[in-house]
Amino acid sequence: MGNLSIMAHLHPEAPGTVAKLLIPIDATDESRWGLQYAIRRAKAGTAVEAYLLYVAEPVRNWQVLRFYTEEEIRRHFQERSAIFLEEACMPLREAGIPCQTYFREADAVQGVIDLAEELNCTAIVVPRTLWLGVFPAGLGRQLMNHRCAVPVMLTTSDGSNAS
């Protein structure tokens, strides 16, 4: 099937439908580019709902697990994610965009895809990152290389569509 983002322009959203955007958030400024995309869509007259996701990859390193239990590690990442997610919600709420937050402990790519499909999102919004070398890097490129029924929208720092 492949990624449907290359065909997104062929099927514009019908009037009155809601753009349900999954925006993965982490500690980087680039992860906030998706917030600007959501705000731009809302200002253009599209009804937008934002779902912010923080994914923590499971810690399996014995050197870490020797000193902390899995529950302590999970709690640490949940507390850390709450800070990032709450901060990321602020500009969306100021723009009048409904925002929900989620924490998942999973492989980043599969965690994003699973939640996007579970929430029936219309797009996964991630920053376009550049890479050097032969292998793609960055969550956006990794998502685009996976089978996913939800289109992946790559954005620039001003929230423009870079797909």
Protein backbone atom coordinates (compact mmCIF):
# COMPACT_ATOMS: atom_id res chain seq x y z
CA MET A 1 0.00 0.00 0.00
CA GLY A 2 2.75 2.50 0.92
CA ASN A 3 2.28 5.95 2.33
CA LEU A 4 -0.73 7.92 1.17
CA SER A 5 0.78 11.38 1.76
CA ILE A 6 1.79 11.67 -1.89
CA MET A 7 -1.92 11.56 -2.82
CA ALA A 8 -3.23 13.88 -0.09
CA HIS A 9 -3.70 16.74 -2.54
CA LEU A 10 -6.03 14.57 -4.67
CA HIS A 11 -8.57 14.22 -1.86
CA PRO A 12 -9.11 17.57 -0.14
CA GLU A 13 -11.18 17.47 3.02
CA ALA A 14 -14.87 17.97 2.48
CA PRO A 15 -16.36 21.16 3.90
CA GLY A 16 -17.42 20.69 7.49
CA THR A 17 -14.97 17.86 8.21
CA VAL A 18 -12.41 18.07 10.97
CA ALA A 19 -8.66 17.77 10.43
CA LYS A 20 -7.54 15.35 13.16
CA LEU A 21 -3.80 15.88 13.40
CA LEU A 22 -1.41 13.67 15.34
CA ILE A 23 1.69 15.66 16.24
CA PRO A 24 4.55 13.74 17.88
CA ILE A 25 6.34 15.93 20.47
CA ASP A 26 9.77 15.57 22.04
CA ALA A 27 12.40 17.88 23.54
CA THR A 28 13.44 19.37 20.18
CA ASP A 29 12.24 22.68 18.74
CA GLU A 30 11.62 20.93 15.41
CA SER A 31 8.88 18.78 16.92
CA ARG A 32 6.92 22.01 17.52
CA TRP A 33 6.76 22.80 13.80
CA GLY A 34 3.61 20.68 13.60
CA LEU A 35 1.92 23.07 16.04
CA GLN A 36 2.42 25.90 13.56
CA TYR A 37 0.96 23.70 10.82
CA ALA A 38 -2.18 23.12 12.93
CA ILE A 39 -2.50 26.83 13.68
CA ARG A 40 -2.10 27.72 9.97
CA ARG A 41 -4.83 25.23 9.04
CA ALA A 42 -7.17 26.66 11.69
CA LYS A 43 -6.52 30.23 10.54
CA ALA A 44 -7.34 29.13 6.98
CA GLY A 45 -10.80 28.07 8.17
CA THR A 46 -10.31 24.34 8.68
CA ALA A 47 -11.71 22.83 11.87
CA VAL A 48 -8.70 21.27 13.60
CA GLU A 49 -8.31 18.83 16.49
CA ALA A 50 -4.76 18.23 17.69
CA TYR A 51 -3.51 15.06 19.35
CA LEU A 52 -0.03 15.45 20.81
CA LEU A 53 2.02 12.32 21.45
CA TYR A 54 5.20 11.76 23.39
CA VAL A 55 6.76 8.36 22.68
CA ALA A 56 9.39 6.91 24.99
CA GLU A 57 11.22 3.91 23.62
CA PRO A 58 11.38 1.10 26.19
CA VAL A 59 14.63 1.02 28.16
CA ARG A 60 16.22 -2.40 27.88
CA ASN A 61 19.79 -1.55 28.86
CA TRP A 62 20.79 -3.76 31.79
CA GLN A 63 23.09 -1.04 33.13
CA VAL A 64 20.05 1.22 33.63
CA LEU A 65 17.73 -1.57 34.78
CA ARG A 66 20.29 -2.55 37.38
CA PHE A 67 19.57 0.68 39.29
CA TYR A 68 15.95 1.47 38.37
CA THR A 69 12.83 -0.62 38.02
CA GLU A 70 10.85 -0.51 34.80
CA GLU A 71 8.07 1.28 36.69
CA GLU A 72 10.48 3.99 37.91
CA ILE A 73 11.74 4.53 34.37
CA ARG A 74 8.19 4.64 32.97
CA ARG A 75 7.14 7.15 35.66
CA HIS A 76 10.18 9.32 34.87
CA PHE A 77 9.27 9.47 31.17
CA GLN A 78 5.58 10.08 31.90
CA GLU A 79 6.45 13.01 34.16
CA ARG A 80 8.91 14.39 31.61
CA SER A 81 6.41 13.98 28.78
CA ALA A 82 3.71 15.83 30.73
CA ILE A 83 5.94 18.91 30.84
CA PHE A 84 6.66 18.85 27.10
CA LEU A 85 3.06 18.09 26.15
CA GLU A 86 1.53 20.77 28.36
CA GLU A 87 3.96 23.36 27.01
CA ALA A 88 3.15 22.31 23.44
CA CYS A 89 -0.61 22.60 24.05
CA MET A 90 -0.42 26.27 25.03
CA PRO A 91 -0.16 27.84 21.54
CA LEU A 92 -2.88 25.50 20.25
CA ARG A 93 -5.27 26.43 23.05
CA GLU A 94 -4.50 30.13 22.50
CA ALA A 95 -5.49 29.60 18.85
CA GLY A 96 -8.74 27.92 19.93
CA ILE A 97 -7.67 24.44 18.79
CA PRO A 98 -8.83 21.51 20.95
CA CYS A 99 -5.83 19.55 22.13
CA GLN A 100 -5.42 16.14 23.76
CA THR A 101 -2.16 14.62 24.96
CA TYR A 102 -0.91 11.04 24.97
CA PHE A 103 2.10 9.16 26.31
CA ARG A 104 3.16 5.84 24.86
CA GLU A 105 6.04 3.55 25.68
CA ALA A 106 6.82 1.94 22.33
CA ASP A 107 9.08 2.00 19.31
CA ALA A 108 8.72 5.59 18.04
CA VAL A 109 7.56 4.81 14.51
CA GLN A 110 5.13 2.04 15.44
CA GLY A 111 3.85 4.00 18.45
CA VAL A 112 2.99 6.98 16.24
CA ILE A 113 1.34 4.85 13.56
CA ASP A 114 -0.69 2.84 16.09
CA LEU A 115 -2.10 5.92 17.83
CA ALA A 116 -2.83 7.71 14.54
CA GLU A 117 -4.84 4.73 13.35
CA GLU A 118 -6.51 4.24 16.75
CA LEU A 119 -7.67 7.89 16.82
CA ASN A 120 -8.64 7.82 13.12
CA CYS A 121 -6.40 10.80 12.40
CA THR A 122 -6.43 12.51 9.02
CA ALA A 123 -2.67 13.21 9.14
CA ILE A 124 0.51 12.67 11.10
CA VAL A 125 2.40 15.99 11.18
CA VAL A 126 6.17 15.87 11.63
CA PRO A 127 9.08 18.17 10.79
CA ARG A 128 10.96 17.77 7.54
CA THR A 129 14.53 17.09 8.49
CA LEU A 130 17.49 16.90 6.20
CA TRP A 131 20.01 14.11 6.43
CA LEU A 132 23.43 13.25 5.16
CA GLY A 133 24.43 9.90 3.75
CA VAL A 134 22.52 7.04 2.23
CA PHE A 135 20.09 6.14 5.01
CA PRO A 136 17.13 8.37 5.89
CA ALA A 137 17.07 9.83 9.37
CA GLY A 138 14.36 11.60 11.31
CA LEU A 139 10.94 10.44 12.34
CA GLY A 140 9.22 11.89 9.27
CA ARG A 141 11.31 9.93 6.80
CA GLN A 142 11.02 6.78 8.89
CA LEU A 143 7.23 7.13 8.97
CA MET A 144 7.08 7.71 5.22
CA ASN A 145 9.02 4.49 4.68
CA HIS A 146 6.51 2.45 6.74
CA ARG A 147 3.14 1.15 5.67
CA CYS A 148 0.62 3.53 7.13
CA ALA A 149 -2.99 4.28 6.22
CA VAL A 150 -2.68 7.80 7.67
CA PRO A 151 -0.89 10.37 5.47
CA VAL A 152 2.34 11.83 6.80
CA MET A 153 2.65 15.60 6.39
CA LEU A 154 6.15 17.04 6.56
CA THR A 155 6.33 20.65 7.76
CA THR A 156 8.88 23.43 7.85
CA SER A 157 9.66 25.71 10.77
CA ASP A 158 6.87 28.15 9.84
CA GLY A 159 4.28 25.38 9.61
CA SER A 160 4.22 25.21 5.81
CA ASN A 161 3.56 21.86 4.16
CA ALA A 162 6.89 20.47 2.96
CA SER A 163 5.64 17.05 1.77
